[in-house]
Amino acid sequence: MRSPDRAAAPVSRRQIVDSGLCIGCGACAHAAPDGRMDWDAHGLLKPRGPDRWLRAPDAALARTCPFSPASADEDAIALARFPDAPAADSRIGRFEAAYVGHAEDAFRMGGSSGGLVSWAAAELLRQGLVDGVAHVAPADPEREGRFFAYRIARTVDEVRAGAKSRYYPVELSRVLAEIRATPGRYAVVGIPCFIKAINLLRAEDPLLAERIAFTLGLFCGHMKSARMVESFAWQLGADPAAVRALDYRIKDPGRPANWYRAHLELRDGSTRAQDWWHLADGDWGAGFFQSPACSWCDDVVAETADIAFGDAWVEPYSSDGRGTNVVIARSPALAALVAEGMGQGRLQLEPVDADFVAQTQAAGLRHRREGLAWRLAQPRAGLQPRKRVRPGKAGLPLRRRLIYRLRREIAEWSHRIFRLARLLGRPGIYIGWARLALATYQGVTYSRGRIGTVIDWLERHFLAKSRDLSA
């Protein structure tokens, strides 16, 4: 565990961006008169403004950027926020209680998973515990230049309008500015690094500490760039400029919950839809369009949030097309809110332990622990991430090393190849490359045929050789 270093050397926004550590959360821009968040060449949100703002060393930024090497880590934040939590686990953090299940049908059927995120946000409003909920809702791409953006919901209907998963870049600067300008109590819904940013800001800013009363975290594998929407459109035979709205996960009770199906609505009223596994970049774990900062994250389950929600990716829940959540209540207030909902019969939840929660997120945790240790051990330029995971690759099987290397290359090159295809107006350049990259990745990751046999032989051969040399 590492506590914040209040005397740490200042860093600049340019250093954070150039080092691949900017997730585009907007925390550094919310109170800056000259700064803003805008799109970069790869469809990711980055700080923009005068050079003096971007390049000036800033001690406060060093303490409040969620990926800054000088900011407090998740263990330190969680210990300060939940000091009396009865349970603590190195994989999922400190917590009061954990559950698996779903919300009442009115919320369950309107969400991507079990409906518990919207239920909790709506309940905070209904009970008068908050005046507004900062969450991600659909936006008008023609008017706002994006498909989704943070909004402050002040009614239950507005909360429900923002239900469902959004694998799309968003940023907090506008809603944070609104929270600062409008007295009241607020809840913020966000992925782990966004919630970490909120907590770091609250430690610096008494006004935000007073007004942001609750945080609701979302389990996260990684974030995608806005180019993913364009790629889906290309592959479904649509002009990206004609897309009016999209749904990343169409819910169908007759299909397993983990059979993602993307759905595009076009300006002429027509629609396009396809299962993710038929798309060239539809394997989530391969890392297409991943934000560079996600390579340096070690928090899968929003360890600093008052309550956190994810999908229950284990059987029998992953086959239930109606959707099922796993929930980690970390603060006593949110644990009590959940217990009250259960007592009223509005939540159908069963208690689970840390092992169960970790099992539902096994792939993500492996990538953020074992995989992160491998990535930290590779040479890199710029600011060096300081994480709870120690750098190392000793004992890592050959297949796992190849998987992590392929994920890194796909994440990096998908941005570049797509940009080239976009500039030339030749979608086939990207789609052809993506299919080849995906076939290589899946061959290494899943194959038990020729590729798998070769990898297994090489691993046995070099392991035996290593043992002989050390004997």
Protein backbone atom coordinates (compact mmCIF):
# COMPACT_ATOMS: atom_id res chain seq x y z
CA MET A 1 0.00 0.00 0.00
CA ARG A 2 1.28 3.45 -0.89
CA SER A 3 0.03 6.67 0.64
CA PRO A 4 0.00 9.97 -1.25
CA ASP A 5 3.28 11.84 -1.35
CA ARG A 6 2.21 15.44 -0.71
CA ALA A 7 5.72 16.68 -1.59
CA ALA A 8 5.96 14.71 -4.85
CA ALA A 9 7.43 16.42 -7.88
CA PRO A 10 4.81 18.28 -9.95
CA VAL A 11 3.81 16.82 -13.32
CA SER A 12 2.20 18.40 -16.35
CA ARG A 13 -0.81 17.33 -18.36
CA ARG A 14 1.47 16.94 -21.36
CA GLN A 15 3.67 14.51 -19.44
CA ILE A 16 0.66 12.44 -18.40
CA VAL A 17 -0.67 12.31 -21.98
CA ASP A 18 2.69 11.62 -23.63
CA SER A 19 3.39 8.81 -21.14
CA GLY A 20 0.15 7.05 -22.08
CA LEU A 21 -1.29 7.59 -18.60
CA CYS A 22 -4.24 9.86 -19.46
CA ILE A 23 -7.60 8.07 -19.34
CA GLY A 24 -9.47 11.23 -20.38
CA CYS A 25 -11.56 11.50 -17.20
CA GLY A 26 -11.60 15.32 -17.30
CA ALA A 27 -10.81 15.72 -13.61
CA CYS A 28 -7.93 18.05 -14.47
CA ALA A 29 -10.10 20.31 -16.66
CA HIS A 30 -13.25 20.88 -14.60
CA ALA A 31 -12.03 24.07 -12.88
CA ALA A 32 -9.65 25.32 -15.56
CA PRO A 33 -10.79 28.52 -17.33
CA ASP A 34 -8.54 27.82 -20.34
CA GLY A 35 -8.71 24.04 -20.41
CA ARG A 36 -11.17 21.60 -21.92
CA MET A 37 -11.47 17.98 -23.02
CA ASP A 38 -11.53 17.19 -26.72
CA TRP A 39 -11.02 14.33 -29.18
CA ASP A 40 -7.55 13.27 -30.29
CA ALA A 41 -6.68 11.61 -33.62
CA HIS A 42 -7.69 8.17 -32.30
CA GLY A 43 -11.12 9.02 -30.91
CA LEU A 44 -9.98 9.34 -27.29
CA LEU A 45 -10.67 12.32 -25.03
CA LYS A 46 -7.61 14.31 -23.94
CA PRO A 47 -7.02 17.72 -22.26
CA ARG A 48 -6.73 20.60 -24.70
CA GLY A 49 -5.80 24.23 -24.10
CA PRO A 50 -2.95 26.75 -24.18
CA ASP A 51 0.58 25.39 -23.94
CA ARG A 52 1.09 27.16 -20.63
CA TRP A 53 -1.77 25.10 -19.17
CA LEU A 54 -0.79 21.79 -20.77
CA ARG A 55 2.93 21.99 -20.06
CA ALA A 56 3.06 23.77 -16.70
CA PRO A 57 4.22 21.48 -13.84
CA ASP A 58 1.33 21.16 -11.38
CA ALA A 59 1.63 19.67 -7.90
CA ALA A 60 -2.15 19.41 -7.48
CA LEU A 61 -2.39 17.48 -10.77
CA ALA A 62 0.28 15.08 -9.50
CA ARG A 63 -1.95 14.32 -6.51
CA THR A 64 -5.33 14.17 -8.28
CA CYS A 65 -4.73 12.49 -11.65
CA PRO A 66 -5.80 8.85 -11.16
CA PHE A 67 -2.78 7.53 -13.11
CA SER A 68 -0.20 9.96 -11.75
CA PRO A 69 2.76 8.16 -10.16
CA ALA A 70 2.39 10.50 -7.16
CA SER A 71 -1.31 10.04 -6.40
CA ALA A 72 -2.61 7.84 -3.59
CA ASP A 73 -3.29 4.26 -4.60
CA GLU A 74 -6.57 2.39 -4.19
CA ASP A 75 -5.51 0.70 -0.95
CA ALA A 76 -4.77 4.02 0.73
CA ILE A 77 -8.00 5.62 -0.50
CA ALA A 78 -10.13 2.64 0.53
CA LEU A 79 -8.54 2.48 3.97
CA ALA A 80 -9.33 6.15 4.54
CA ARG A 81 -12.90 5.84 3.28
CA PHE A 82 -13.85 2.44 4.71
CA PRO A 83 -11.67 2.03 7.81
CA ASP A 84 -14.14 -0.20 9.64
CA ALA A 85 -14.99 -2.54 6.75
CA PRO A 86 -15.26 -6.05 8.21
CA ALA A 87 -13.73 -7.74 5.15
CA ALA A 88 -10.70 -7.00 3.00
CA ASP A 89 -9.35 -8.95 0.06
CA SER A 90 -6.36 -8.22 -2.16
CA ARG A 91 -8.41 -8.88 -5.31
CA ILE A 92 -11.63 -6.98 -4.59
CA GLY A 93 -10.73 -4.57 -1.80
CA ARG A 94 -12.47 -3.65 1.47
CA PHE A 95 -16.21 -4.30 1.82
CA GLU A 96 -19.21 -4.72 4.10
CA ALA A 97 -21.05 -7.37 2.08
CA ALA A 98 -21.18 -8.91 -1.40
CA TYR A 99 -24.10 -10.38 -3.33
CA VAL A 100 -25.19 -11.91 -6.61
CA GLY A 101 -28.65 -11.34 -8.08
CA HIS A 102 -30.82 -8.70 -9.67
CA ALA A 103 -33.19 -5.80 -9.09
CA GLU A 104 -36.95 -5.76 -9.56
CA ASP A 105 -38.07 -6.26 -13.16
CA ALA A 106 -38.74 -2.57 -13.83
CA PHE A 107 -34.99 -1.98 -13.54
CA ARG A 108 -33.63 -5.39 -14.53
CA MET A 109 -35.20 -5.49 -17.96
CA GLY A 110 -34.16 -1.92 -18.76
CA GLY A 111 -30.45 -2.46 -18.11
CA SER A 112 -27.64 -4.46 -19.69
CA SER A 113 -27.21 -6.65 -16.63
CA GLY A 114 -29.27 -7.13 -13.47
CA GLY A 115 -30.47 -3.52 -13.19
CA LEU A 116 -28.86 -2.84 -9.83
CA VAL A 117 -26.85 0.23 -10.82
CA SER A 118 -29.95 2.13 -11.93
CA TRP A 119 -31.91 0.79 -8.97
CA ALA A 120 -29.34 2.09 -6.45
CA ALA A 121 -29.06 5.48 -8.17
CA ALA A 122 -32.85 5.83 -8.35
CA GLU A 123 -33.22 4.78 -4.71
CA LEU A 124 -30.78 7.44 -3.56
CA LEU A 125 -32.97 10.01 -5.34
CA ARG A 126 -36.25 8.50 -4.16
CA GLN A 127 -35.17 8.57 -0.52
CA GLY A 128 -33.89 12.14 -0.79
CA LEU A 129 -30.32 11.12 -0.01
CA VAL A 130 -29.09 13.01 -3.08
CA ASP A 131 -30.40 15.79 -5.28
CA GLY A 132 -28.75 14.54 -8.45
CA VAL A 133 -26.88 11.60 -9.95
CA ALA A 134 -24.02 12.15 -12.38
CA HIS A 135 -24.20 9.30 -14.87
CA VAL A 136 -23.64 8.55 -18.57
CA ALA A 137 -26.62 8.98 -20.88
CA PRO A 138 -27.15 9.02 -24.68
CA ALA A 139 -26.21 12.26 -26.47
CA ASP A 140 -27.07 13.62 -29.90
CA PRO A 141 -23.98 13.03 -32.08
CA GLU A 142 -25.03 15.68 -34.60
CA ARG A 143 -25.42 18.39 -31.97
CA GLU A 144 -22.82 17.33 -29.39
CA GLY A 145 -20.27 15.45 -31.48
CA ARG A 146 -20.55 12.30 -29.36
CA PHE A 147 -22.94 9.44 -28.71
CA PHE A 148 -22.78 9.48 -24.90
CA ALA A 149 -21.93 12.04 -22.23
CA TYR A 150 -22.17 12.59 -18.50
CA ARG A 151 -25.44 14.18 -17.35
CA ILE A 152 -26.92 14.94 -13.94
CA ALA A 153 -30.18 13.08 -13.46
CA ARG A 154 -32.59 14.66 -10.99
CA THR A 155 -35.52 12.27 -11.40
CA VAL A 156 -35.91 8.49 -11.42
CA ASP A 157 -37.02 8.62 -15.06
CA GLU A 158 -33.81 10.45 -15.99
CA VAL A 159 -31.78 7.80 -14.19
CA ARG A 160 -33.54 5.03 -16.08
CA ALA A 161 -32.92 6.83 -19.38
CA GLY A 162 -29.22 6.38 -18.73
CA ALA A 163 -29.34 2.65 -18.06
CA LYS A 164 -27.18 0.16 -20.02
CA SER A 165 -23.47 -0.24 -20.66
CA ARG A 166 -21.55 2.41 -22.62
CA TYR A 167 -18.18 1.33 -24.02
CA TYR A 168 -17.42 4.82 -25.20
CA PRO A 169 -15.15 7.70 -24.07
CA VAL A 170 -16.79 10.13 -21.65
CA GLU A 171 -15.42 12.76 -19.27
CA LEU A 172 -16.43 14.41 -16.01
CA SER A 173 -15.42 18.06 -16.42
CA ARG A 174 -18.89 19.41 -17.26
CA VAL A 175 -20.76 17.64 -14.48
CA LEU A 176 -18.06 18.49 -11.95
CA ALA A 177 -18.39 22.14 -12.93
CA GLU A 178 -22.17 21.86 -12.52
CA ILE A 179 -21.77 20.25 -9.09
CA ARG A 180 -19.49 23.08 -8.02
CA ALA A 181 -21.95 25.69 -9.31
CA THR A 182 -25.17 24.16 -7.94
CA PRO A 183 -25.54 23.45 -4.21
CA GLY A 184 -26.86 20.03 -3.25
CA ARG A 185 -25.82 16.46 -2.59
CA TYR A 186 -24.76 14.27 -5.49
CA ALA A 187 -23.88 10.71 -6.40
CA VAL A 188 -21.44 9.89 -9.18
CA VAL A 189 -21.53 6.69 -11.24
CA GLY A 190 -18.30 5.70 -12.95
CA ILE A 191 -15.65 3.17 -13.84
CA PRO A 192 -12.86 2.51 -11.29
CA CYS A 193 -10.38 5.17 -12.46
CA PHE A 194 -13.12 7.82 -12.64
CA ILE A 195 -14.23 7.04 -9.08
CA LYS A 196 -10.59 7.15 -7.98
CA ALA A 197 -10.31 10.60 -9.58
CA ILE A 198 -13.42 11.75 -7.70
CA ASN A 199 -11.96 10.59 -4.41
CA LEU A 200 -8.61 12.27 -5.11
CA LEU A 201 -10.43 15.52 -5.96
CA ARG A 202 -12.52 15.30 -2.78
CA ALA A 203 -9.32 15.04 -0.75
CA GLU A 204 -8.16 18.35 -2.32
CA ASP A 205 -11.41 20.29 -2.65
CA PRO A 206 -13.67 20.76 0.40
CA LEU A 207 -16.59 21.87 -1.79
CA LEU A 208 -16.57 18.66 -3.82
CA ALA A 209 -16.05 16.66 -0.62
CA GLU A 210 -19.20 18.24 0.80
CA ARG A 211 -21.38 17.90 -2.28
CA ILE A 212 -20.40 14.47 -3.65
CA ALA A 213 -22.04 12.25 -1.09
CA PHE A 214 -21.87 8.81 -2.77
CA THR A 215 -19.95 7.02 -5.49
CA LEU A 216 -21.30 4.07 -7.48
CA GLY A 217 -18.60 2.07 -9.24
CA LEU A 218 -18.75 -0.12 -12.33
CA PHE A 219 -16.48 -3.13 -12.83
CA CYS A 220 -14.29 -2.50 -15.87
CA GLY A 221 -12.18 -4.54 -18.29
CA HIS A 222 -10.92 -1.54 -20.26
CA MET A 223 -12.26 1.45 -22.13
CA LYS A 224 -12.66 1.71 -25.90
CA SER A 225 -12.13 4.64 -28.24
CA ALA A 226 -14.95 6.26 -30.21
CA ARG A 227 -13.60 4.57 -33.34
CA MET A 228 -15.21 1.31 -32.27
CA VAL A 229 -18.61 2.74 -33.30
CA GLU A 230 -17.24 3.56 -36.75
CA SER A 231 -15.72 0.11 -37.08
CA PHE A 232 -19.06 -1.52 -36.26
CA ALA A 233 -20.75 0.71 -38.84
CA TRP A 234 -18.20 -0.23 -41.52
CA GLN A 235 -18.67 -3.92 -40.84
CA LEU A 236 -22.47 -3.64 -40.90
CA GLY A 237 -22.49 -1.83 -44.22
CA ALA A 238 -23.40 1.60 -42.87
CA ASP A 239 -21.83 5.02 -43.22
CA PRO A 240 -20.48 5.97 -39.77
CA ALA A 241 -21.78 9.52 -40.31
CA ALA A 242 -25.30 8.11 -40.68
CA VAL A 243 -25.34 6.48 -37.21
CA ARG A 244 -27.79 8.25 -34.90
CA ALA A 245 -27.69 5.97 -31.85
CA LEU A 246 -26.27 2.66 -30.73
CA ASP A 247 -26.72 -0.04 -28.15
CA TYR A 248 -23.67 -2.14 -27.37
CA ARG A 249 -25.63 -4.92 -25.65
CA ILE A 250 -29.14 -5.68 -26.86
CA LYS A 251 -30.88 -7.66 -24.11
CA ASP A 252 -32.62 -10.88 -25.16
CA PRO A 253 -33.93 -13.13 -22.37
CA GLY A 254 -33.79 -16.04 -24.81
CA ARG A 255 -30.00 -15.80 -25.27
CA PRO A 256 -27.10 -16.06 -22.80
CA ALA A 257 -26.17 -12.72 -21.24
CA ASN A 258 -22.59 -12.97 -22.52
CA TRP A 259 -23.72 -13.17 -26.16
CA TYR A 260 -23.27 -9.46 -26.85
CA ARG A 261 -25.18 -8.07 -29.85
CA ALA A 262 -24.45 -4.57 -31.15
CA HIS A 263 -27.34 -2.51 -32.57
CA LEU A 264 -27.03 0.66 -34.67
CA GLU A 265 -29.87 3.06 -35.45
CA LEU A 266 -29.35 5.14 -38.60
CA ARG A 267 -30.67 8.58 -39.46
CA ASP A 268 -33.05 7.20 -42.11
CA GLY A 269 -34.77 5.10 -39.45
CA SER A 270 -33.21 1.79 -40.50
CA THR A 271 -31.17 -0.39 -38.15
CA ARG A 272 -28.20 -2.72 -38.28
CA ALA A 273 -27.34 -5.42 -35.75
CA GLN A 274 -24.74 -8.14 -35.36
CA ASP A 275 -23.35 -10.42 -32.67
CA TRP A 276 -19.96 -9.29 -31.47
CA TRP A 277 -18.28 -12.60 -32.28
CA HIS A 278 -18.99 -12.07 -35.99
CA LEU A 279 -17.13 -8.75 -35.94
CA ALA A 280 -13.41 -8.49 -36.75
CA ASP A 281 -12.75 -6.69 -33.46
CA GLY A 282 -15.52 -8.29 -31.41
CA ASP A 283 -13.33 -10.29 -28.99
CA TRP A 284 -13.22 -7.97 -25.98
CA GLY A 285 -10.15 -9.54 -24.44
CA ALA A 286 -8.01 -8.93 -27.54
CA GLY A 287 -7.91 -5.21 -26.72
CA PHE A 288 -8.96 -3.52 -29.95
CA PHE A 289 -9.27 0.28 -29.50
CA GLN A 290 -8.21 0.08 -25.84
CA SER A 291 -7.22 3.34 -24.17
CA PRO A 292 -3.44 3.27 -23.49
CA ALA A 293 -3.94 4.16 -19.82
CA CYS A 294 -5.91 0.94 -19.27
CA SER A 295 -2.67 -1.01 -19.60
CA TRP A 296 -1.56 0.53 -16.28
CA CYS A 297 -4.71 -0.06 -14.19
CA ASP A 298 -4.86 -2.56 -11.33
CA ASP A 299 -8.45 -1.97 -10.18
CA VAL A 300 -11.13 -4.13 -11.82
CA VAL A 301 -13.93 -3.77 -9.27
CA ALA A 302 -13.99 -0.07 -8.29
CA GLU A 303 -12.24 -0.56 -4.94
CA THR A 304 -12.72 3.06 -3.87
CA ALA A 305 -16.47 3.30 -4.61
CA ASP A 306 -19.14 3.17 -1.89
CA ILE A 307 -20.75 0.35 -3.85
CA ALA A 308 -19.64 -1.45 -7.00
CA PHE A 309 -21.46 -3.50 -9.62
CA GLY A 310 -20.46 -5.95 -12.33
CA ASP A 311 -21.75 -8.84 -14.40
CA ALA A 312 -21.84 -12.30 -12.85
CA TRP A 313 -19.73 -14.04 -15.50
CA VAL A 314 -20.06 -17.55 -14.08
CA GLU A 315 -22.69 -20.21 -14.61
CA PRO A 316 -25.60 -20.42 -14.23
CA TYR A 317 -25.78 -16.60 -14.28
CA SER A 318 -23.89 -15.94 -17.52
CA SER A 319 -26.44 -18.02 -19.42
CA ASP A 320 -29.40 -16.07 -18.02
CA GLY A 321 -30.30 -13.56 -20.72
CA ARG A 322 -32.24 -11.43 -18.25
CA GLY A 323 -28.94 -10.36 -16.68
CA THR A 324 -27.37 -10.82 -13.25
CA ASN A 325 -25.21 -8.50 -11.17
CA VAL A 326 -22.51 -9.15 -8.63
CA VAL A 327 -22.50 -6.36 -6.02
CA ILE A 328 -19.87 -5.21 -3.52
CA ALA A 329 -21.20 -2.85 -0.83
CA ARG A 330 -18.25 -1.04 0.76
CA SER A 331 -19.78 1.77 2.84
CA PRO A 332 -22.25 1.11 5.69
CA ALA A 333 -24.79 3.52 4.15
CA LEU A 334 -24.92 1.70 0.81
CA ALA A 335 -24.85 -1.71 2.51
CA ALA A 336 -27.92 -0.60 4.49
CA LEU A 337 -29.64 0.62 1.31
CA VAL A 338 -29.16 -2.79 -0.30
CA ALA A 339 -30.29 -4.65 2.82
CA GLU A 340 -33.44 -2.52 2.93
CA GLY A 341 -34.19 -3.33 -0.71
CA MET A 342 -33.77 -7.01 -0.01
CA GLY A 343 -36.04 -6.82 3.00
CA GLN A 344 -38.74 -5.18 0.88
CA GLY A 345 -38.48 -7.90 -1.77
CA ARG A 346 -37.35 -5.40 -4.39
CA LEU A 347 -33.89 -6.95 -4.73
CA GLN A 348 -33.33 -10.65 -5.27
CA LEU A 349 -29.83 -11.17 -3.90
CA GLU A 350 -27.82 -13.99 -2.36
CA PRO A 351 -24.74 -13.32 -0.20
CA VAL A 352 -21.40 -14.39 -1.71
CA ASP A 353 -17.78 -14.23 -0.61
CA ALA A 354 -14.67 -12.66 -2.10
CA ASP A 355 -13.72 -15.87 -3.89
CA PHE A 356 -17.02 -15.89 -5.76
CA VAL A 357 -16.69 -12.25 -6.79
CA ALA A 358 -13.11 -12.81 -7.96
CA GLN A 359 -14.20 -15.86 -9.94
CA THR A 360 -16.76 -13.79 -11.85
CA GLN A 361 -13.95 -11.42 -12.90
CA ALA A 362 -11.15 -13.95 -13.24
CA ALA A 363 -9.98 -12.89 -16.70
CA GLY A 364 -9.89 -9.19 -15.83
CA LEU A 365 -8.06 -9.79 -12.56
CA ARG A 366 -5.47 -11.98 -14.26
CA HIS A 367 -4.82 -9.27 -16.86
CA ARG A 368 -4.54 -6.57 -14.14
CA ARG A 369 -2.30 -8.61 -11.84
CA GLU A 370 -0.20 -11.15 -13.72
CA GLY A 371 -0.45 -9.23 -17.00
CA LEU A 372 0.28 -5.89 -15.37
CA ALA A 373 3.38 -7.32 -13.69
CA TRP A 374 4.61 -8.39 -17.16
CA ARG A 375 3.86 -4.98 -18.68
CA LEU A 376 5.57 -3.12 -15.84
CA ALA A 377 8.70 -5.21 -16.44
CA GLN A 378 8.96 -4.03 -20.07
CA PRO A 379 11.07 -0.95 -20.84
CA ARG A 380 9.06 2.19 -21.58
CA ALA A 381 9.59 5.93 -21.95
CA GLY A 382 8.03 8.79 -20.00
CA LEU A 383 6.57 8.78 -16.52
CA GLN A 384 6.77 5.37 -14.89
CA PRO A 385 3.52 4.02 -13.40
CA ARG A 386 3.64 3.17 -9.71
CA LYS A 387 1.17 0.41 -8.99
CA ARG A 388 0.34 -2.04 -6.23
CA VAL A 389 1.59 -4.84 -8.50
CA ARG A 390 5.34 -5.38 -8.63
CA PRO A 391 7.06 -5.67 -12.02
CA GLY A 392 8.04 -9.22 -12.92
CA LYS A 393 7.79 -11.98 -15.49
CA ALA A 394 9.65 -14.85 -13.83
CA GLY A 395 7.75 -18.11 -14.05
CA LEU A 396 5.17 -16.72 -16.48
CA PRO A 397 4.28 -19.44 -19.02
CA LEU A 398 5.17 -18.83 -22.65
CA ARG A 399 1.53 -18.85 -23.75
CA ARG A 400 0.64 -16.12 -21.24
CA ARG A 401 3.61 -13.99 -22.35
CA LEU A 402 2.49 -14.30 -25.96
CA ILE A 403 -1.08 -13.39 -25.02
CA TYR A 404 -0.02 -10.25 -23.16
CA ARG A 405 2.30 -9.22 -25.99
CA LEU A 406 -0.43 -9.72 -28.60
CA ARG A 407 -2.92 -7.73 -26.52
CA ARG A 408 -0.43 -4.88 -26.25
CA GLU A 409 0.28 -4.89 -29.99
CA ILE A 410 -3.42 -5.10 -30.94
CA ALA A 411 -4.30 -2.28 -28.54
CA GLU A 412 -1.59 -0.05 -29.99
CA TRP A 413 -1.87 -0.88 -33.68
CA SER A 414 -5.67 -0.92 -33.90
CA HIS A 415 -5.62 2.85 -33.36
CA ARG A 416 -2.95 3.38 -36.00
CA ILE A 417 -4.33 1.06 -38.68
CA PHE A 418 -7.84 2.40 -38.24
CA ARG A 419 -6.60 5.96 -38.57
CA LEU A 420 -4.84 5.07 -41.83
CA ALA A 421 -7.95 3.34 -43.20
CA ARG A 422 -10.08 6.31 -42.19
CA LEU A 423 -7.76 8.85 -43.82
CA LEU A 424 -7.66 6.86 -47.06
CA GLY A 425 -11.37 6.02 -47.03
CA ARG A 426 -10.48 2.31 -47.26
CA PRO A 427 -12.28 0.36 -44.50
CA GLY A 428 -10.88 -2.90 -45.86
CA ILE A 429 -7.38 -1.96 -44.74
CA TYR A 430 -8.44 -2.00 -41.11
CA ILE A 431 -10.97 -4.85 -41.31
CA GLY A 432 -8.48 -7.14 -43.09
CA TRP A 433 -5.76 -6.36 -40.55
CA ALA A 434 -8.19 -6.82 -37.64
CA ARG A 435 -9.31 -10.25 -38.86
CA LEU A 436 -5.70 -11.38 -39.19
CA ALA A 437 -4.81 -9.97 -35.76
CA LEU A 438 -7.85 -11.62 -34.19
CA ALA A 439 -7.09 -14.99 -35.79
CA THR A 440 -3.53 -14.83 -34.46
CA TYR A 441 -4.68 -13.82 -31.00
CA GLN A 442 -7.36 -16.49 -30.77
CA GLY A 443 -5.00 -19.10 -32.16
CA VAL A 444 -2.52 -18.41 -29.36
CA THR A 445 -5.14 -17.91 -26.65
CA TYR A 446 -7.64 -20.67 -27.29
CA SER A 447 -6.09 -23.16 -29.70
CA ARG A 448 -5.49 -26.73 -28.67
CA GLY A 449 -4.61 -27.66 -32.25
CA ARG A 450 -1.34 -27.12 -34.11
CA ILE A 451 -0.59 -23.68 -32.68
CA GLY A 452 -1.33 -24.84 -29.17
CA THR A 453 0.82 -27.94 -29.64
CA VAL A 454 3.77 -25.87 -30.84
CA ILE A 455 3.44 -23.42 -27.94
CA ASP A 456 3.18 -26.22 -25.40
CA TRP A 457 6.24 -27.98 -26.91
CA LEU A 458 8.30 -24.79 -26.88
CA GLU A 459 7.32 -24.14 -23.29
CA ARG A 460 8.27 -27.66 -22.16
CA HIS A 461 11.52 -27.52 -24.13
CA PHE A 462 12.73 -24.19 -22.78
CA LEU A 463 11.53 -24.97 -19.25
CA ALA A 464 13.55 -28.21 -19.31
CA LYS A 465 16.56 -26.37 -20.70
CA SER A 466 16.27 -23.73 -17.97
CA ARG A 467 16.17 -26.43 -15.30
CA ASP A 468 19.26 -28.14 -16.77
CA LEU A 469 21.21 -24.87 -16.72
CA SER A 470 20.28 -24.18 -13.11
CA ALA A 471 21.09 -27.71 -11.92
